[in-house]
Protein backbone atom coordinates (compact mmCIF):
# COMPACT_ATOMS: atom_id res chain seq x y z
CA MET A 1 42.25 -74.99 -52.24
CA SER A 2 41.20 -72.07 -50.17
CA VAL A 3 42.73 -68.71 -50.37
CA PRO A 4 44.89 -67.67 -47.19
CA LEU A 5 43.67 -64.80 -45.53
CA ASN A 6 45.97 -62.38 -43.56
CA VAL A 7 44.90 -61.75 -39.94
CA GLY A 8 45.16 -58.67 -37.91
CA ILE A 9 43.97 -57.81 -34.51
CA GLU A 10 42.79 -54.53 -32.94
CA LEU A 11 44.26 -54.00 -29.42
CA PRO A 12 41.67 -52.45 -27.12
CA GLY A 13 43.27 -49.37 -25.53
CA ALA A 14 42.30 -50.23 -21.83
CA GLU A 15 43.48 -53.68 -22.18
CA LEU A 16 46.76 -52.73 -23.85
CA LEU A 17 47.41 -50.25 -21.25
CA ASN A 18 47.05 -52.81 -18.55
CA ALA A 19 49.63 -55.10 -20.37
CA LEU A 20 52.55 -52.49 -21.04
CA GLY A 21 53.99 -52.76 -17.61
CA PRO A 22 55.60 -55.84 -16.33
CA GLN A 23 53.57 -58.13 -18.67
CA ILE A 24 54.94 -56.43 -21.71
CA GLN A 25 57.31 -59.56 -22.52
CA GLU A 26 54.41 -61.81 -22.21
CA LEU A 27 52.27 -59.65 -24.65
CA ALA A 28 54.91 -59.45 -27.26
CA HIS A 29 55.44 -63.19 -27.22
CA PHE A 30 51.74 -63.70 -27.40
CA LEU A 31 51.51 -61.20 -30.56
CA ASP A 32 54.34 -62.72 -32.12
CA ALA A 33 53.35 -66.45 -31.57
CA SER A 34 49.87 -65.57 -32.55
CA GLY A 35 50.69 -65.61 -36.28
CA ALA A 36 48.66 -62.38 -36.82
CA ALA A 37 50.26 -60.16 -39.43
CA TYR A 38 49.57 -56.89 -37.79
CA ALA A 39 48.30 -55.37 -34.58
CA VAL A 40 46.24 -52.16 -34.79
CA ILE A 41 46.98 -49.61 -31.86
CA GLY A 42 44.62 -46.84 -31.29
CA GLY A 43 41.85 -47.93 -33.64
CA GLU A 44 39.15 -47.02 -30.99
CA ARG A 45 40.22 -43.23 -31.27
CA ASP A 46 37.87 -42.26 -34.07
CA GLU A 47 34.58 -43.78 -32.80
CA ALA A 48 33.97 -42.27 -29.51
CA ILE A 49 36.01 -40.76 -26.46
CA PRO A 50 37.89 -43.95 -25.30
CA ARG A 51 38.16 -44.96 -21.66
CA ALA A 52 41.83 -45.44 -21.97
CA SER A 53 44.13 -45.22 -25.08
CA PRO A 54 47.98 -45.12 -24.83
CA SER A 55 49.59 -43.01 -27.49
CA PRO A 56 49.65 -45.31 -30.63
CA THR A 57 53.13 -44.46 -31.98
CA VAL A 58 54.89 -44.45 -28.55
CA THR A 59 53.13 -47.71 -27.83
CA GLY A 60 54.34 -49.07 -31.27
CA ALA A 61 57.90 -48.00 -30.62
CA LEU A 62 57.67 -49.94 -27.20
CA LEU A 63 56.14 -53.17 -28.72
CA ALA A 64 58.78 -52.99 -31.68
CA ARG A 65 61.55 -53.11 -29.03
CA HIS A 66 59.99 -56.39 -27.72
CA THR A 67 58.55 -58.07 -30.81
CA ARG A 68 60.15 -59.52 -34.09
CA ARG A 69 57.36 -60.69 -36.46
CA ILE A 70 54.05 -58.82 -35.99
CA GLY A 71 53.36 -55.58 -37.85
CA LEU A 72 52.50 -52.44 -35.85
CA VAL A 73 49.68 -50.25 -37.26
CA ALA A 74 49.36 -46.97 -35.39
CA ALA A 75 46.47 -44.63 -35.65
CA ALA A 76 46.81 -40.96 -36.44
CA SER A 77 44.65 -38.31 -37.56
CA PRO A 78 45.35 -34.95 -39.28
CA GLN A 79 42.54 -33.39 -37.09
CA ARG A 80 45.30 -33.65 -34.47
CA ASP A 81 48.59 -33.86 -36.34
CA HIS A 82 49.89 -32.05 -39.48
CA PRO A 83 50.81 -34.66 -41.94
CA PHE A 84 54.78 -33.63 -41.45
CA ASN A 85 54.38 -34.88 -37.76
CA ILE A 86 52.49 -38.01 -38.81
CA ALA A 87 55.11 -38.66 -41.54
CA ARG A 88 57.98 -38.42 -39.10
CA ARG A 89 56.60 -40.48 -36.48
CA LEU A 90 55.45 -43.40 -38.64
CA ALA A 91 58.85 -43.43 -40.47
CA SER A 92 60.49 -43.47 -37.03
CA LEU A 93 58.52 -46.44 -36.12
CA ASP A 94 59.22 -48.17 -39.44
CA HIS A 95 62.91 -47.72 -38.99
CA PHE A 96 62.70 -48.73 -35.21
CA SER A 97 60.62 -51.96 -36.17
CA ALA A 98 62.81 -52.95 -39.08
CA GLY A 99 59.90 -52.30 -41.65
CA ARG A 100 56.91 -53.39 -39.72
CA ALA A 101 55.00 -50.31 -39.39
CA GLY A 102 51.51 -49.21 -40.85
CA LEU A 103 49.29 -46.15 -40.70
CA LEU A 104 45.87 -46.19 -39.73
CA ALA A 105 44.55 -42.85 -41.19
CA LEU A 106 41.69 -41.77 -38.96
CA ARG A 107 39.37 -38.78 -39.65
CA ARG A 108 39.11 -37.75 -35.95
CA ASP A 109 41.26 -38.57 -32.87
CA HIS A 110 38.82 -38.27 -29.82
CA ALA A 111 41.47 -39.28 -27.46
CA THR A 112 43.77 -36.17 -28.20
CA ALA A 113 41.15 -33.37 -29.16
CA LEU A 114 42.93 -30.90 -26.63
CA GLY A 115 39.58 -29.86 -25.41
CA LEU A 116 38.42 -28.99 -28.88
CA ASP A 117 35.03 -29.97 -30.54
CA THR A 118 34.38 -29.06 -34.12
CA THR A 119 37.97 -27.25 -34.69
CA SER A 120 41.29 -28.55 -34.42
CA VAL A 121 45.01 -27.33 -34.79
CA TRP A 122 45.10 -27.70 -38.54
CA THR A 123 41.52 -28.07 -39.90
CA SER A 124 38.31 -26.25 -39.19
CA ALA A 125 36.39 -29.57 -38.59
CA PRO A 126 37.11 -33.33 -38.33
CA ALA A 127 38.38 -34.67 -41.43
CA ASP A 128 36.16 -35.76 -44.26
CA ALA A 129 37.28 -38.40 -46.63
CA ALA A 130 38.75 -35.83 -48.99
CA THR A 131 40.63 -34.05 -46.31
CA LEU A 132 42.09 -37.27 -45.13
CA ALA A 133 43.03 -38.42 -48.65
CA ASP A 134 44.96 -35.11 -49.16
CA ALA A 135 46.69 -35.64 -45.85
CA ILE A 136 47.86 -39.03 -47.04
CA VAL A 137 49.05 -37.69 -50.23
CA ALA A 138 51.10 -35.25 -48.24
CA VAL A 139 52.48 -37.79 -46.00
CA ARG A 140 53.45 -40.17 -48.74
CA LYS A 141 55.45 -37.42 -50.60
CA LEU A 142 57.29 -36.80 -47.21
CA TRP A 143 58.09 -40.41 -46.95
CA ARG A 144 59.56 -40.27 -50.50
CA SER A 145 61.44 -37.05 -50.11
CA TRP A 146 64.91 -38.19 -48.67
CA PRO A 147 65.99 -41.54 -50.43
CA LEU A 148 67.93 -43.94 -48.38
CA ALA A 149 70.18 -44.49 -51.35
CA SER A 150 71.83 -41.08 -50.69
CA LEU A 151 73.43 -42.63 -47.68
CA ASP A 152 74.78 -45.70 -49.75
CA PRO A 153 78.67 -46.21 -49.24
CA ASP A 154 78.94 -46.47 -52.97
CA PRO A 155 79.46 -42.87 -54.36
CA ALA A 156 77.85 -43.92 -57.78
CA VAL A 157 74.71 -44.95 -56.05
CA ALA A 158 74.74 -41.94 -53.54
CA ASN A 159 75.49 -39.13 -55.99
CA ASP A 160 72.36 -40.16 -58.06
CA ALA A 161 69.84 -40.20 -55.06
CA ARG A 162 68.67 -36.58 -54.71
CA VAL A 163 66.71 -35.24 -51.67
CA ARG A 164 63.64 -33.79 -53.06
CA ILE A 165 61.30 -31.09 -52.08
CA ALA A 166 58.04 -32.79 -51.12
CA GLY A 167 56.01 -29.96 -52.84
CA HIS A 168 52.40 -30.47 -51.67
CA ALA A 169 49.94 -27.79 -52.34
CA GLY A 170 46.74 -29.10 -51.08
CA LEU A 171 44.90 -28.57 -47.80
CA PHE A 172 48.17 -29.43 -45.97
CA PRO A 173 50.75 -27.63 -47.93
CA THR A 174 54.13 -29.05 -47.35
CA ARG A 175 57.87 -28.43 -48.58
CA GLY A 176 59.70 -31.00 -46.91
CA PRO A 177 62.11 -32.89 -47.06
CA LEU A 178 61.35 -34.92 -44.31
CA ASN A 179 64.16 -35.36 -41.85
CA SER A 180 64.10 -39.07 -41.97
CA PRO A 181 65.38 -41.27 -44.96
CA THR A 182 63.06 -43.66 -46.81
CA THR A 183 62.31 -46.68 -44.53
CA PRO A 184 63.14 -50.40 -44.78
CA GLN A 185 59.79 -51.35 -46.55
CA GLY A 186 60.05 -48.16 -48.72
CA GLU A 187 57.33 -46.56 -46.70
CA PRO A 188 54.60 -47.68 -43.99
CA VAL A 189 51.49 -49.39 -45.18
CA VAL A 190 48.33 -47.25 -45.16
CA PHE A 191 45.24 -48.69 -43.66
CA TRP A 192 41.77 -46.64 -44.32
CA ARG A 193 38.48 -47.34 -42.46
CA TRP A 194 35.51 -47.29 -44.64
CA HIS A 195 32.74 -44.93 -43.33
CA ALA A 196 29.26 -46.22 -44.70
CA ASP A 197 27.49 -43.20 -43.54
CA ALA A 198 29.84 -40.72 -45.26
CA PRO A 199 29.05 -39.08 -48.76
CA LEU A 200 29.44 -41.88 -51.15
CA ALA A 201 31.01 -39.96 -54.05
CA SER A 202 33.93 -38.51 -51.97
CA GLU A 203 34.39 -41.84 -50.02
CA LEU A 204 34.95 -43.66 -53.23
CA ALA A 205 37.21 -41.11 -54.66
CA ALA A 206 39.42 -41.04 -51.54
CA LEU A 207 39.64 -44.56 -51.22
CA GLN A 208 42.55 -44.97 -53.52
CA ALA A 209 44.82 -43.21 -51.26
CA ALA A 210 45.23 -46.27 -49.13
CA ASP A 211 46.64 -49.76 -49.56
CA ILE A 212 44.19 -51.46 -47.19
CA VAL A 213 40.59 -50.60 -46.45
CA LEU A 214 39.15 -51.80 -43.30
CA VAL A 215 35.27 -52.78 -43.52
CA ASP A 216 32.96 -53.93 -40.95
CA ALA A 217 31.65 -57.22 -41.61
CA ALA A 218 27.97 -56.12 -41.34
CA GLY A 219 28.40 -53.58 -44.17
CA LEU A 220 31.00 -55.91 -46.38
CA ASP A 221 28.45 -56.92 -49.10
CA ALA A 222 27.08 -53.31 -49.66
CA PHE A 223 30.61 -52.02 -49.73
CA LEU A 224 31.75 -54.54 -52.42
CA ARG A 225 28.75 -53.49 -54.46
CA VAL A 226 29.26 -49.85 -54.33
CA ALA A 227 33.10 -49.86 -54.68
CA ALA A 228 33.08 -52.52 -57.39
CA ASP A 229 34.40 -50.25 -60.21
CA VAL A 230 37.01 -48.70 -57.78
CA LEU A 231 38.50 -51.89 -56.77
CA HIS A 232 38.35 -53.36 -60.22
CA TYR A 233 40.35 -50.40 -61.79
CA ALA A 234 42.84 -50.39 -59.04
CA TYR A 235 43.39 -54.15 -59.62
CA GLU A 236 43.67 -53.94 -63.27
CA ALA A 237 46.22 -51.06 -62.83
CA GLY A 238 48.51 -53.31 -60.77
CA GLU A 239 47.95 -51.52 -57.54
CA PRO A 240 45.11 -53.50 -56.04
CA ILE A 241 43.46 -52.11 -52.78
CA GLN A 242 43.11 -55.03 -50.21
CA VAL A 243 39.97 -55.43 -48.33
CA HIS A 244 40.27 -56.49 -44.63
CA VAL A 245 37.08 -57.34 -42.77
CA ARG A 246 36.82 -55.93 -39.25
CA THR A 247 34.70 -58.57 -37.10
CA PRO A 248 34.61 -59.79 -33.68
CA TRP A 249 35.17 -63.58 -33.27
CA HIS A 250 31.95 -65.49 -33.16
CA ALA A 251 30.60 -68.97 -33.62
CA THR A 252 29.51 -68.42 -37.11
CA LEU A 253 32.65 -66.85 -38.56
CA ASP A 254 33.98 -70.01 -40.07
CA SER A 255 30.95 -69.86 -42.52
CA GLN A 256 31.45 -66.41 -43.52
CA LEU A 257 35.17 -67.03 -44.03
CA ALA A 258 34.45 -69.31 -46.97
CA GLN A 259 32.51 -66.59 -48.51
CA TRP A 260 35.10 -63.91 -48.14
CA ARG A 261 37.90 -65.98 -49.43
CA GLY A 262 35.80 -66.36 -52.86
CA ASN A 263 36.24 -62.59 -53.46
CA ARG A 264 39.54 -61.63 -55.09
CA HIS A 265 39.63 -58.36 -53.32
CA VAL A 266 39.21 -59.73 -49.67
CA ALA A 267 42.76 -60.36 -48.35
CA GLY A 268 42.30 -60.11 -44.81
CA VAL A 269 40.55 -60.34 -41.36
CA THR A 270 40.80 -57.78 -38.53
CA LEU A 271 39.68 -59.24 -35.23
CA LEU A 272 37.98 -57.06 -32.66
CA PRO A 273 38.34 -58.51 -29.16
CA ARG A 274 35.31 -57.86 -26.99
CA ALA A 275 35.81 -56.59 -23.47
CA GLY A 276 38.16 -59.07 -21.63
CA GLU A 277 38.55 -61.44 -24.56
CA LEU A 278 42.05 -60.42 -25.43
CA ALA A 279 43.10 -61.82 -22.12
CA ALA A 280 41.33 -65.09 -22.71
CA TRP A 281 43.04 -65.34 -26.20
CA PHE A 282 46.30 -64.92 -24.47
CA ALA A 283 45.82 -67.16 -21.68
CA GLN A 284 44.35 -69.87 -23.87
CA GLY A 285 46.46 -69.53 -27.00
CA THR A 286 43.27 -69.74 -29.26
CA LEU A 287 44.36 -66.83 -31.54
CA ALA A 288 47.41 -68.88 -33.04
CA GLY A 289 45.00 -71.61 -33.85
CA LEU A 290 42.59 -69.29 -35.85
CA THR A 291 45.55 -67.52 -37.64
CA GLY A 292 47.28 -70.87 -38.50
CA THR A 293 44.03 -71.90 -40.11
CA LEU A 294 43.43 -68.77 -42.21
CA SER A 295 46.83 -67.67 -43.12
CA GLY A 296 49.18 -70.84 -42.59
CA THR A 297 52.60 -70.88 -41.08
CA ALA A 298 53.91 -67.83 -39.35
CA PRO A 299 56.78 -66.06 -41.27
CA ALA A 300 60.29 -65.98 -40.13
CA SER A 301 61.28 -62.91 -38.18
CA ARG A 302 62.24 -59.69 -39.60
CA ILE A 303 59.88 -59.84 -42.71
CA THR A 304 58.38 -56.49 -43.65
CA LEU A 305 54.78 -55.82 -43.30
CA ARG A 306 54.55 -54.75 -46.81
CA SER A 307 56.21 -58.14 -47.96
CA ARG A 308 54.06 -60.06 -45.41
CA LEU A 309 50.79 -58.57 -46.82
CA GLY A 310 51.90 -58.81 -50.56
CA ILE A 311 51.44 -54.97 -51.19
CA ALA A 312 53.97 -53.35 -53.71
CA ARG A 313 54.86 -49.82 -53.18
CA ARG A 314 52.90 -47.49 -55.23
CA ILE A 315 54.31 -45.64 -58.08
CA GLU A 316 52.73 -42.35 -57.29
CA PRO A 317 53.50 -39.81 -55.83
CA ASP A 318 56.67 -39.65 -58.14
CA LEU A 319 59.12 -36.99 -56.75
CA SER A 320 61.59 -37.43 -59.49
CA GLY A 321 60.78 -34.17 -61.16
CA ASN A 322 60.56 -32.20 -57.96
CA ALA A 323 63.31 -29.71 -57.24
CA ALA A 324 66.28 -30.87 -55.15
CA ALA A 325 66.29 -29.76 -51.60
CA PHE A 326 70.01 -28.95 -52.07
CA GLU A 327 73.00 -29.92 -54.14
CA PRO A 328 74.87 -32.90 -52.64
CA VAL A 329 78.54 -32.87 -52.22
CA LYS A 330 80.07 -35.39 -54.58
CA LYS A 331 81.10 -38.49 -52.78
CA VAL A 332 84.26 -40.17 -53.43
CA VAL A 333 85.77 -43.37 -52.53
CA ALA A 334 88.05 -43.09 -49.52
């Protein structure tokens, strides 16, 4: 019996921009009916200056309004936004989408560089792996600083849920708390793109900051060799890092899929449409056929992205020992 693979799709900025007008209802239906687990928005932003690339979080919020099933993974980079802004935007998207949000953490955002080259608002250069990992830790702490249970109508539950100071003292010092409670899936799923040309030691050390690592198909075998220990230790610790393979759809993809299914760490495929291909998939309904083959029946609406991908919320960072932001007023039953 073959192992199911989750399927994602990167939405090209230029084609996505054309579909956000009168065609948005058709696009939303296509995405939900495709069976894909998630759509990546803004994935092109760290590779080169994109010809067109709508705001990932704004676009995600718009698509959340019109979709019910598909996860929405929005790209963001600390080269452009402080982790507080990233945490706030993605938490809002997760609330708005009923728990379907993900964060694609980028080293650099070419689309919103504000005319800057080697400098940015918050860092002295585009983020390397260590900088990006530090930003992700800061974001995770902020996502956990205001427990949703503090709003529970049961006073016994609400009184025990303290809003905590995030207390991050790394490259991006943050006190918090975030001005948004924890989200329907606990926190958005964090995606990380593997850079094979980056310094190996720092890349491997930072890899553990993410839930999912996206690896280009051409470099998958090399990645699985060099990252074997990191993936093994994460798996044995009960917090596995899922590998999703980025690949165009091509004639020999089926033979590769059989090989990828044989690796316990490979859990998904992220399809990269070529120019004009997304419109063809949309018109022909071919994507639904592929996702059905790979991952089986599409789930019912309103399932969270974290549940759909089978990713448990990480234990760390644990804020239970952090100082309370304020002493809550004791709630009583009316």
